[in-house]
Amino acid sequence: MPAPDSTFTTRFSVPVDAALRDAGWRPGRWDIKQAEYWADTLRAHTSPAGHRHAVFPSAVEAWAEFGGLRITPPGPGRQIAPARLHIDPLAGLHLARTLADLGRALDTEVCPLGDEGDGDTLLAIDREGRVYGIDHTGDWYLGHNVDRALEILVTGVLPERLTTA
């Protein structure tokens, strides 16, 4: 029987697991009441131009497990400097149009997840659970699910830029 991979303690690598636990996450964490509050708040918000947020199960599940966490990377990044994360969908409350535009470009619906770097980058999640970053330099693909996005963000891996072809 092969030895377990020592870089993973649970479903995350050691540095990501440590950062999550330092932020208050534990396996099985689930605050559906808070996630439903965020869902209701986003659904109730309409921008001055009439844009509304899409809310769907992949977002609510991510908020229930990781919502409210302020995650501080444990060290320098592999390729870029990692930034502090805050999983709070209300960081994108006033960006319904921006998220709708991204969703149209990706042929899906996109909803806020939180922010990176004290508001420098909006984190968003789509219906399939894929995660994106939106900042002044462009739009970024952060992973096929929240777990992968956390690995990329916390360890400072250079994300993939979204481009138009």
N, C-alpha and C. Protein backbone atom coordinates (compact mmCIF):
# COMPACT_ATOMS: atom_id res chain seq x y z
N MET A 1 0.85 -1.17 0.00
CA MET A 1 0.00 0.00 0.00
C MET A 1 0.89 1.24 0.00
N PRO A 2 0.65 2.19 -0.94
CA PRO A 2 1.50 3.38 -0.99
C PRO A 2 1.29 4.28 0.22
N ALA A 3 2.34 5.00 0.58
CA ALA A 3 2.25 5.95 1.68
C ALA A 3 1.36 7.12 1.27
N PRO A 4 0.58 7.67 2.21
CA PRO A 4 -0.26 8.82 1.86
C PRO A 4 0.59 10.01 1.46
N ASP A 5 0.04 10.81 0.59
CA ASP A 5 0.72 12.02 0.13
C ASP A 5 0.77 13.01 1.29
N SER A 6 1.95 13.35 1.75
CA SER A 6 2.10 14.21 2.91
C SER A 6 1.78 15.68 2.62
N THR A 7 1.55 16.04 1.36
CA THR A 7 1.20 17.42 1.07
C THR A 7 -0.29 17.69 1.26
N PHE A 8 -1.09 16.64 1.52
CA PHE A 8 -2.52 16.82 1.73
C PHE A 8 -2.92 16.26 3.09
N THR A 9 -3.62 17.06 3.89
CA THR A 9 -4.09 16.61 5.19
C THR A 9 -5.55 16.20 5.12
N THR A 10 -6.30 16.82 4.30
CA THR A 10 -7.70 16.49 4.07
C THR A 10 -7.89 16.57 2.57
N ARG A 11 -8.86 17.29 2.15
CA ARG A 11 -9.06 17.47 0.71
C ARG A 11 -8.21 18.62 0.18
N PHE A 12 -7.51 19.34 1.05
CA PHE A 12 -6.67 20.47 0.66
C PHE A 12 -5.21 20.18 0.94
N SER A 13 -4.34 20.91 0.24
CA SER A 13 -2.91 20.81 0.55
C SER A 13 -2.67 21.33 1.96
N VAL A 14 -1.52 20.99 2.52
CA VAL A 14 -1.20 21.39 3.89
C VAL A 14 -1.31 22.91 4.09
N PRO A 15 -0.71 23.75 3.21
CA PRO A 15 -0.81 25.19 3.47
C PRO A 15 -2.25 25.72 3.37
N VAL A 16 -3.04 25.19 2.45
CA VAL A 16 -4.42 25.66 2.31
C VAL A 16 -5.25 25.17 3.48
N ASP A 17 -5.08 23.93 3.86
CA ASP A 17 -5.78 23.39 5.02
C ASP A 17 -5.47 24.23 6.26
N ALA A 18 -4.20 24.55 6.46
CA ALA A 18 -3.79 25.36 7.63
C ALA A 18 -4.42 26.74 7.59
N ALA A 19 -4.41 27.39 6.41
CA ALA A 19 -5.00 28.72 6.29
C ALA A 19 -6.51 28.68 6.55
N LEU A 20 -7.17 27.66 6.03
CA LEU A 20 -8.62 27.53 6.25
C LEU A 20 -8.93 27.30 7.73
N ARG A 21 -8.17 26.42 8.36
CA ARG A 21 -8.41 26.14 9.78
C ARG A 21 -8.11 27.37 10.65
N ASP A 22 -7.06 28.12 10.29
CA ASP A 22 -6.76 29.35 11.02
C ASP A 22 -7.90 30.36 10.88
N ALA A 23 -8.61 30.30 9.75
CA ALA A 23 -9.74 31.21 9.50
C ALA A 23 -11.03 30.74 10.17
N GLY A 24 -11.03 29.52 10.70
CA GLY A 24 -12.21 29.01 11.39
C GLY A 24 -12.95 27.88 10.68
N TRP A 25 -12.43 27.44 9.55
CA TRP A 25 -13.07 26.34 8.83
C TRP A 25 -12.70 25.00 9.47
N ARG A 26 -13.63 24.09 9.43
CA ARG A 26 -13.41 22.70 9.84
C ARG A 26 -14.19 21.82 8.88
N PRO A 27 -13.73 20.60 8.63
CA PRO A 27 -14.53 19.68 7.81
C PRO A 27 -15.93 19.55 8.41
N GLY A 28 -16.93 19.63 7.57
CA GLY A 28 -18.32 19.55 8.03
C GLY A 28 -18.93 20.90 8.37
N ARG A 29 -18.16 21.97 8.31
CA ARG A 29 -18.71 23.31 8.59
C ARG A 29 -19.86 23.56 7.62
N TRP A 30 -20.98 24.04 8.14
CA TRP A 30 -22.14 24.25 7.29
C TRP A 30 -23.08 25.23 7.97
N ASP A 31 -23.12 26.48 7.50
CA ASP A 31 -24.00 27.49 8.07
C ASP A 31 -25.03 27.87 7.01
N ILE A 32 -26.04 27.03 6.85
CA ILE A 32 -27.04 27.26 5.82
C ILE A 32 -27.90 28.48 6.14
N LYS A 33 -28.10 28.77 7.41
CA LYS A 33 -28.90 29.95 7.79
C LYS A 33 -28.25 31.23 7.24
N GLN A 34 -26.93 31.37 7.42
CA GLN A 34 -26.23 32.54 6.90
C GLN A 34 -26.25 32.54 5.37
N ALA A 35 -26.05 31.38 4.76
CA ALA A 35 -26.07 31.28 3.30
C ALA A 35 -27.44 31.71 2.75
N GLU A 36 -28.50 31.30 3.40
CA GLU A 36 -29.84 31.70 2.96
C GLU A 36 -30.08 33.19 3.13
N TYR A 37 -29.52 33.76 4.19
CA TYR A 37 -29.61 35.22 4.37
C TYR A 37 -28.95 35.93 3.20
N TRP A 38 -27.74 35.49 2.83
CA TRP A 38 -27.05 36.11 1.70
C TRP A 38 -27.85 35.93 0.41
N ALA A 39 -28.39 34.73 0.20
CA ALA A 39 -29.19 34.47 -1.00
C ALA A 39 -30.39 35.41 -1.06
N ASP A 40 -31.10 35.57 0.05
CA ASP A 40 -32.26 36.46 0.09
C ASP A 40 -31.86 37.90 -0.17
N THR A 41 -30.74 38.33 0.42
CA THR A 41 -30.27 39.71 0.23
C THR A 41 -29.92 39.96 -1.23
N LEU A 42 -29.21 39.04 -1.86
CA LEU A 42 -28.85 39.21 -3.27
C LEU A 42 -30.08 39.19 -4.16
N ARG A 43 -31.00 38.27 -3.92
CA ARG A 43 -32.22 38.20 -4.74
C ARG A 43 -33.05 39.47 -4.62
N ALA A 44 -33.04 40.10 -3.46
CA ALA A 44 -33.85 41.29 -3.23
C ALA A 44 -33.24 42.56 -3.82
N HIS A 45 -31.97 42.52 -4.14
CA HIS A 45 -31.27 43.72 -4.64
C HIS A 45 -31.49 43.90 -6.14
N THR A 46 -31.83 45.11 -6.50
CA THR A 46 -31.94 45.49 -7.92
C THR A 46 -31.09 46.74 -8.11
N SER A 47 -30.23 46.72 -9.12
CA SER A 47 -29.39 47.89 -9.39
C SER A 47 -30.26 49.02 -9.92
N PRO A 48 -29.76 50.25 -9.90
CA PRO A 48 -30.53 51.37 -10.44
C PRO A 48 -30.95 51.15 -11.90
N ALA A 49 -30.17 50.37 -12.63
CA ALA A 49 -30.50 50.09 -14.04
C ALA A 49 -31.35 48.83 -14.20
N GLY A 50 -31.75 48.22 -13.08
CA GLY A 50 -32.63 47.07 -13.14
C GLY A 50 -31.96 45.71 -13.17
N HIS A 51 -30.66 45.64 -12.96
CA HIS A 51 -29.96 44.35 -12.96
C HIS A 51 -30.17 43.63 -11.64
N ARG A 52 -30.31 42.32 -11.74
CA ARG A 52 -30.54 41.48 -10.56
C ARG A 52 -29.52 40.35 -10.51
N HIS A 53 -29.30 39.85 -9.33
CA HIS A 53 -28.36 38.74 -9.14
C HIS A 53 -29.04 37.40 -9.41
N ALA A 54 -28.28 36.50 -9.99
CA ALA A 54 -28.68 35.09 -10.08
C ALA A 54 -28.17 34.42 -8.82
N VAL A 55 -28.96 33.53 -8.25
CA VAL A 55 -28.55 32.75 -7.08
C VAL A 55 -28.90 31.30 -7.39
N PHE A 56 -27.97 30.39 -7.11
CA PHE A 56 -28.15 28.99 -7.48
C PHE A 56 -27.43 28.10 -6.47
N PRO A 57 -27.72 26.80 -6.49
CA PRO A 57 -27.20 25.89 -5.45
C PRO A 57 -25.68 25.89 -5.27
N SER A 58 -24.90 25.93 -6.34
CA SER A 58 -23.45 25.88 -6.16
C SER A 58 -22.94 27.06 -5.33
N ALA A 59 -23.56 28.22 -5.49
CA ALA A 59 -23.16 29.40 -4.71
C ALA A 59 -23.59 29.23 -3.26
N VAL A 60 -24.84 28.84 -3.03
CA VAL A 60 -25.33 28.69 -1.66
C VAL A 60 -24.51 27.65 -0.90
N GLU A 61 -24.15 26.57 -1.56
CA GLU A 61 -23.33 25.54 -0.91
C GLU A 61 -21.94 26.07 -0.55
N ALA A 62 -21.34 26.85 -1.44
CA ALA A 62 -20.02 27.44 -1.15
C ALA A 62 -20.12 28.41 0.02
N TRP A 63 -21.18 29.22 0.04
CA TRP A 63 -21.36 30.17 1.15
C TRP A 63 -21.58 29.43 2.46
N ALA A 64 -22.36 28.35 2.43
CA ALA A 64 -22.65 27.60 3.66
C ALA A 64 -21.37 27.01 4.26
N GLU A 65 -20.47 26.54 3.40
CA GLU A 65 -19.24 25.93 3.92
C GLU A 65 -18.14 26.94 4.24
N PHE A 66 -17.98 27.95 3.41
CA PHE A 66 -16.84 28.85 3.56
C PHE A 66 -17.22 30.29 3.90
N GLY A 67 -18.50 30.60 3.88
CA GLY A 67 -18.95 31.98 4.07
C GLY A 67 -18.48 32.59 5.38
N GLY A 68 -18.08 33.84 5.30
CA GLY A 68 -17.63 34.58 6.46
C GLY A 68 -16.15 34.41 6.78
N LEU A 69 -15.50 33.44 6.17
CA LEU A 69 -14.08 33.23 6.48
C LEU A 69 -13.21 34.34 5.90
N ARG A 70 -12.25 34.75 6.68
CA ARG A 70 -11.19 35.66 6.23
C ARG A 70 -9.93 34.82 6.23
N ILE A 71 -9.47 34.49 5.04
CA ILE A 71 -8.38 33.54 4.87
C ILE A 71 -7.10 34.28 4.55
N THR A 72 -6.09 34.05 5.37
CA THR A 72 -4.79 34.68 5.18
C THR A 72 -3.80 33.64 4.71
N PRO A 73 -3.19 33.86 3.54
CA PRO A 73 -2.20 32.89 3.05
C PRO A 73 -1.06 32.73 4.06
N PRO A 74 -0.55 31.49 4.20
CA PRO A 74 0.47 31.24 5.21
C PRO A 74 1.89 31.65 4.82
N GLY A 75 2.11 32.03 3.58
CA GLY A 75 3.47 32.37 3.18
C GLY A 75 3.50 32.96 1.79
N PRO A 76 4.70 33.06 1.21
CA PRO A 76 4.81 33.61 -0.13
C PRO A 76 4.17 32.67 -1.16
N GLY A 77 3.80 33.23 -2.28
CA GLY A 77 3.19 32.42 -3.32
C GLY A 77 4.20 31.70 -4.18
N ARG A 78 3.69 30.73 -4.92
CA ARG A 78 4.55 29.97 -5.84
C ARG A 78 4.94 30.80 -7.05
N GLN A 79 3.98 31.50 -7.66
CA GLN A 79 4.25 32.30 -8.86
C GLN A 79 3.91 33.77 -8.67
N ILE A 80 2.91 34.07 -7.85
CA ILE A 80 2.51 35.44 -7.55
C ILE A 80 2.25 35.54 -6.05
N ALA A 81 2.20 36.76 -5.57
CA ALA A 81 1.91 36.96 -4.15
C ALA A 81 0.44 36.65 -3.89
N PRO A 82 0.18 35.75 -2.95
CA PRO A 82 -1.21 35.47 -2.62
C PRO A 82 -1.79 36.62 -1.80
N ALA A 83 -3.09 36.81 -1.89
CA ALA A 83 -3.74 37.90 -1.16
C ALA A 83 -4.72 37.30 -0.16
N ARG A 84 -5.08 38.09 0.79
CA ARG A 84 -6.07 37.70 1.78
C ARG A 84 -7.44 37.58 1.09
N LEU A 85 -8.22 36.58 1.49
CA LEU A 85 -9.54 36.33 0.92
C LEU A 85 -10.62 36.56 1.98
N HIS A 86 -11.76 37.05 1.53
CA HIS A 86 -12.93 37.13 2.40
C HIS A 86 -14.10 36.54 1.64
N ILE A 87 -14.63 35.45 2.14
CA ILE A 87 -15.75 34.79 1.49
C ILE A 87 -17.03 35.43 2.02
N ASP A 88 -17.54 36.38 1.25
CA ASP A 88 -18.75 37.12 1.61
C ASP A 88 -19.38 37.62 0.31
N PRO A 89 -20.47 37.00 -0.12
CA PRO A 89 -21.06 37.39 -1.40
C PRO A 89 -21.56 38.83 -1.45
N LEU A 90 -21.79 39.44 -0.30
CA LEU A 90 -22.25 40.83 -0.33
C LEU A 90 -21.16 41.78 -0.82
N ALA A 91 -19.93 41.30 -0.95
CA ALA A 91 -18.86 42.10 -1.56
C ALA A 91 -19.23 42.46 -3.00
N GLY A 92 -20.06 41.65 -3.63
CA GLY A 92 -20.48 41.91 -5.01
C GLY A 92 -21.90 42.40 -5.14
N LEU A 93 -22.50 42.83 -4.05
CA LEU A 93 -23.91 43.25 -4.06
C LEU A 93 -24.20 44.27 -5.15
N HIS A 94 -23.34 45.26 -5.30
CA HIS A 94 -23.58 46.34 -6.26
C HIS A 94 -22.96 46.08 -7.62
N LEU A 95 -22.62 44.84 -7.91
CA LEU A 95 -21.98 44.50 -9.18
C LEU A 95 -22.82 43.51 -10.00
N ALA A 96 -24.13 43.60 -9.87
CA ALA A 96 -25.02 42.67 -10.59
C ALA A 96 -24.82 42.76 -12.09
N ARG A 97 -24.65 43.96 -12.63
CA ARG A 97 -24.45 44.09 -14.08
C ARG A 97 -23.12 43.48 -14.51
N THR A 98 -22.07 43.75 -13.78
CA THR A 98 -20.75 43.20 -14.10
C THR A 98 -20.81 41.67 -14.13
N LEU A 99 -21.47 41.08 -13.14
CA LEU A 99 -21.58 39.64 -13.07
C LEU A 99 -22.47 39.09 -14.18
N ALA A 100 -23.53 39.81 -14.50
CA ALA A 100 -24.40 39.38 -15.61
C ALA A 100 -23.64 39.42 -16.93
N ASP A 101 -22.82 40.46 -17.11
CA ASP A 101 -22.02 40.57 -18.34
C ASP A 101 -21.03 39.41 -18.44
N LEU A 102 -20.36 39.09 -17.34
CA LEU A 102 -19.43 37.96 -17.34
C LEU A 102 -20.18 36.66 -17.64
N GLY A 103 -21.32 36.49 -17.03
CA GLY A 103 -22.12 35.30 -17.27
C GLY A 103 -22.52 35.14 -18.73
N ARG A 104 -22.93 36.24 -19.34
CA ARG A 104 -23.27 36.19 -20.78
C ARG A 104 -22.06 35.80 -21.61
N ALA A 105 -20.91 36.35 -21.29
CA ALA A 105 -19.69 36.03 -22.04
C ALA A 105 -19.32 34.55 -21.88
N LEU A 106 -19.63 33.98 -20.73
CA LEU A 106 -19.29 32.58 -20.45
C LEU A 106 -20.44 31.62 -20.74
N ASP A 107 -21.58 32.16 -21.14
CA ASP A 107 -22.78 31.37 -21.41
C ASP A 107 -23.24 30.59 -20.18
N THR A 108 -23.27 31.31 -19.04
CA THR A 108 -23.74 30.74 -17.78
C THR A 108 -24.23 31.89 -16.91
N GLU A 109 -24.65 31.60 -15.72
CA GLU A 109 -24.97 32.64 -14.75
C GLU A 109 -23.87 32.67 -13.71
N VAL A 110 -23.57 33.87 -13.22
CA VAL A 110 -22.47 34.06 -12.27
C VAL A 110 -22.99 34.86 -11.09
N CYS A 111 -22.50 34.53 -9.93
CA CYS A 111 -22.97 35.11 -8.68
C CYS A 111 -21.74 35.45 -7.82
N PRO A 112 -21.83 36.46 -6.95
CA PRO A 112 -20.66 36.80 -6.12
C PRO A 112 -20.34 35.73 -5.07
N LEU A 113 -19.05 35.60 -4.80
CA LEU A 113 -18.56 34.65 -3.80
C LEU A 113 -17.85 35.37 -2.66
N GLY A 114 -17.12 36.42 -2.99
CA GLY A 114 -16.36 37.16 -1.98
C GLY A 114 -15.37 38.08 -2.65
N ASP A 115 -14.30 38.40 -1.94
CA ASP A 115 -13.28 39.24 -2.55
C ASP A 115 -11.89 38.83 -2.10
N GLU A 116 -10.93 39.34 -2.83
CA GLU A 116 -9.52 39.07 -2.59
C GLU A 116 -8.82 40.40 -2.44
N GLY A 117 -7.86 40.45 -1.53
CA GLY A 117 -7.06 41.66 -1.40
C GLY A 117 -7.85 42.86 -0.94
N ASP A 118 -8.73 42.68 0.04
CA ASP A 118 -9.52 43.79 0.59
C ASP A 118 -10.28 44.54 -0.49
N GLY A 119 -10.89 43.82 -1.39
CA GLY A 119 -11.74 44.41 -2.41
C GLY A 119 -11.08 44.63 -3.75
N ASP A 120 -9.82 44.26 -3.89
CA ASP A 120 -9.12 44.45 -5.17
C ASP A 120 -9.69 43.57 -6.28
N THR A 121 -10.12 42.36 -5.93
CA THR A 121 -10.64 41.40 -6.89
C THR A 121 -11.95 40.83 -6.37
N LEU A 122 -12.99 40.87 -7.19
CA LEU A 122 -14.25 40.22 -6.85
C LEU A 122 -14.15 38.75 -7.22
N LEU A 123 -14.52 37.89 -6.31
CA LEU A 123 -14.57 36.46 -6.59
C LEU A 123 -16.01 36.11 -6.93
N ALA A 124 -16.19 35.28 -7.96
CA ALA A 124 -17.52 34.90 -8.41
C ALA A 124 -17.56 33.40 -8.69
N ILE A 125 -18.77 32.85 -8.63
CA ILE A 125 -18.97 31.43 -8.88
C ILE A 125 -20.10 31.27 -9.89
N ASP A 126 -19.98 30.27 -10.76
CA ASP A 126 -21.05 30.05 -11.74
C ASP A 126 -21.91 28.85 -11.35
N ARG A 127 -22.94 28.59 -12.15
CA ARG A 127 -23.89 27.52 -11.87
C ARG A 127 -23.23 26.15 -11.70
N GLU A 128 -22.13 25.93 -12.41
CA GLU A 128 -21.43 24.65 -12.35
C GLU A 128 -20.44 24.58 -11.18
N GLY A 129 -20.25 25.69 -10.47
CA GLY A 129 -19.32 25.73 -9.34
C GLY A 129 -17.94 26.23 -9.70
N ARG A 130 -17.72 26.63 -10.98
CA ARG A 130 -16.42 27.18 -11.38
C ARG A 130 -16.27 28.58 -10.77
N VAL A 131 -15.02 28.94 -10.47
CA VAL A 131 -14.75 30.19 -9.77
C VAL A 131 -13.92 31.12 -10.64
N TYR A 132 -14.24 32.41 -10.56
CA TYR A 132 -13.59 33.44 -11.37
C TYR A 132 -13.19 34.61 -10.48
N GLY A 133 -12.22 35.37 -10.95
CA GLY A 133 -11.82 36.62 -10.32
C GLY A 133 -11.99 37.74 -11.33
N ILE A 134 -12.50 38.88 -10.85
CA ILE A 134 -12.71 40.04 -11.71
C ILE A 134 -12.01 41.22 -11.05
N ASP A 135 -11.03 41.79 -11.75
CA ASP A 135 -10.34 42.95 -11.20
C ASP A 135 -10.05 43.96 -12.31
N HIS A 136 -9.30 44.99 -11.98
CA HIS A 136 -9.04 46.07 -12.95
C HIS A 136 -8.17 45.60 -14.12
N THR A 137 -7.54 44.45 -14.00
CA THR A 137 -6.68 43.96 -15.09
C THR A 137 -7.39 42.99 -16.02
N GLY A 138 -8.56 42.51 -15.61
CA GLY A 138 -9.30 41.58 -16.45
C GLY A 138 -10.07 40.56 -15.64
N ASP A 139 -10.46 39.51 -16.33
CA ASP A 139 -11.23 38.42 -15.73
C ASP A 139 -10.35 37.17 -15.71
N TRP A 140 -10.43 36.42 -14.62
CA TRP A 140 -9.53 35.30 -14.39
C TRP A 140 -10.31 34.04 -14.06
N TYR A 141 -9.86 32.92 -14.58
CA TYR A 141 -10.43 31.62 -14.24
C TYR A 141 -9.62 31.07 -13.08
N LEU A 142 -10.28 30.79 -11.96
CA LEU A 142 -9.59 30.36 -10.76
C LEU A 142 -9.73 28.87 -10.45
N GLY A 143 -10.58 28.19 -11.18
CA GLY A 143 -10.68 26.76 -10.96
C GLY A 143 -12.05 26.19 -11.23
N HIS A 144 -12.08 24.87 -11.41
CA HIS A 144 -13.32 24.17 -11.75
C HIS A 144 -14.24 23.99 -10.54
N ASN A 145 -13.76 24.32 -9.34
CA ASN A 145 -14.60 24.31 -8.15
C ASN A 145 -13.94 25.18 -7.07
N VAL A 146 -14.65 25.37 -5.98
CA VAL A 146 -14.15 26.23 -4.91
C VAL A 146 -12.85 25.68 -4.33
N ASP A 147 -12.76 24.38 -4.16
CA ASP A 147 -11.53 23.79 -3.59
C ASP A 147 -10.31 24.16 -4.43
N ARG A 148 -10.44 24.00 -5.74
CA ARG A 148 -9.31 24.31 -6.63
C ARG A 148 -9.00 25.81 -6.59
N ALA A 149 -10.02 26.64 -6.58
CA ALA A 149 -9.81 28.09 -6.51
C ALA A 149 -9.07 28.47 -5.23
N LEU A 150 -9.44 27.87 -4.12
CA LEU A 150 -8.74 28.15 -2.86
C LEU A 150 -7.28 27.74 -2.95
N GLU A 151 -7.01 26.59 -3.56
CA GLU A 151 -5.61 26.16 -3.75
C GLU A 151 -4.83 27.20 -4.56
N ILE A 152 -5.41 27.67 -5.64
CA ILE A 152 -4.73 28.65 -6.50
C ILE A 152 -4.51 29.97 -5.76
N LEU A 153 -5.56 30.46 -5.10
CA LEU A 153 -5.48 31.76 -4.45
C LEU A 153 -4.57 31.76 -3.23
N VAL A 154 -4.68 30.75 -2.40
CA VAL A 154 -3.90 30.72 -1.15
C VAL A 154 -2.43 30.41 -1.40
N THR A 155 -2.14 29.62 -2.42
CA THR A 155 -0.74 29.25 -2.67
C THR A 155 -0.05 30.14 -3.70
N GLY A 156 -0.77 31.11 -4.26
CA GLY A 156 -0.14 32.05 -5.18
C GLY A 156 0.22 31.45 -6.53
N VAL A 157 -0.65 30.60 -7.05
CA VAL A 157 -0.46 30.07 -8.40
C VAL A 157 -1.08 31.07 -9.38
N LEU A 158 -0.38 31.36 -10.45
CA LEU A 158 -0.89 32.30 -11.44
C LEU A 158 -2.14 31.74 -12.10
N PRO A 159 -3.29 32.44 -11.97
CA PRO A 159 -4.52 31.94 -12.58
C PRO A 159 -4.52 32.18 -14.09
N GLU A 160 -5.45 31.55 -14.74
CA GLU A 160 -5.60 31.67 -16.19
C GLU A 160 -6.47 32.87 -16.51
N ARG A 161 -5.99 33.73 -17.41
CA ARG A 161 -6.78 34.90 -17.83
C ARG A 161 -7.85 34.44 -18.81
N LEU A 162 -9.05 34.96 -18.62
CA LEU A 162 -10.12 34.71 -19.60
C LEU A 162 -9.91 35.64 -20.78
N THR A 163 -10.02 35.09 -21.96
CA THR A 163 -9.85 35.91 -23.17
C THR A 163 -11.00 35.66 -24.11
N THR A 164 -11.18 36.57 -25.02
CA THR A 164 -12.19 36.37 -26.06
C THR A 164 -11.47 35.87 -27.31
N ALA A 165 -12.03 34.86 -27.90
CA ALA A 165 -11.41 34.28 -29.09
C ALA A 165 -12.14 34.67 -30.34
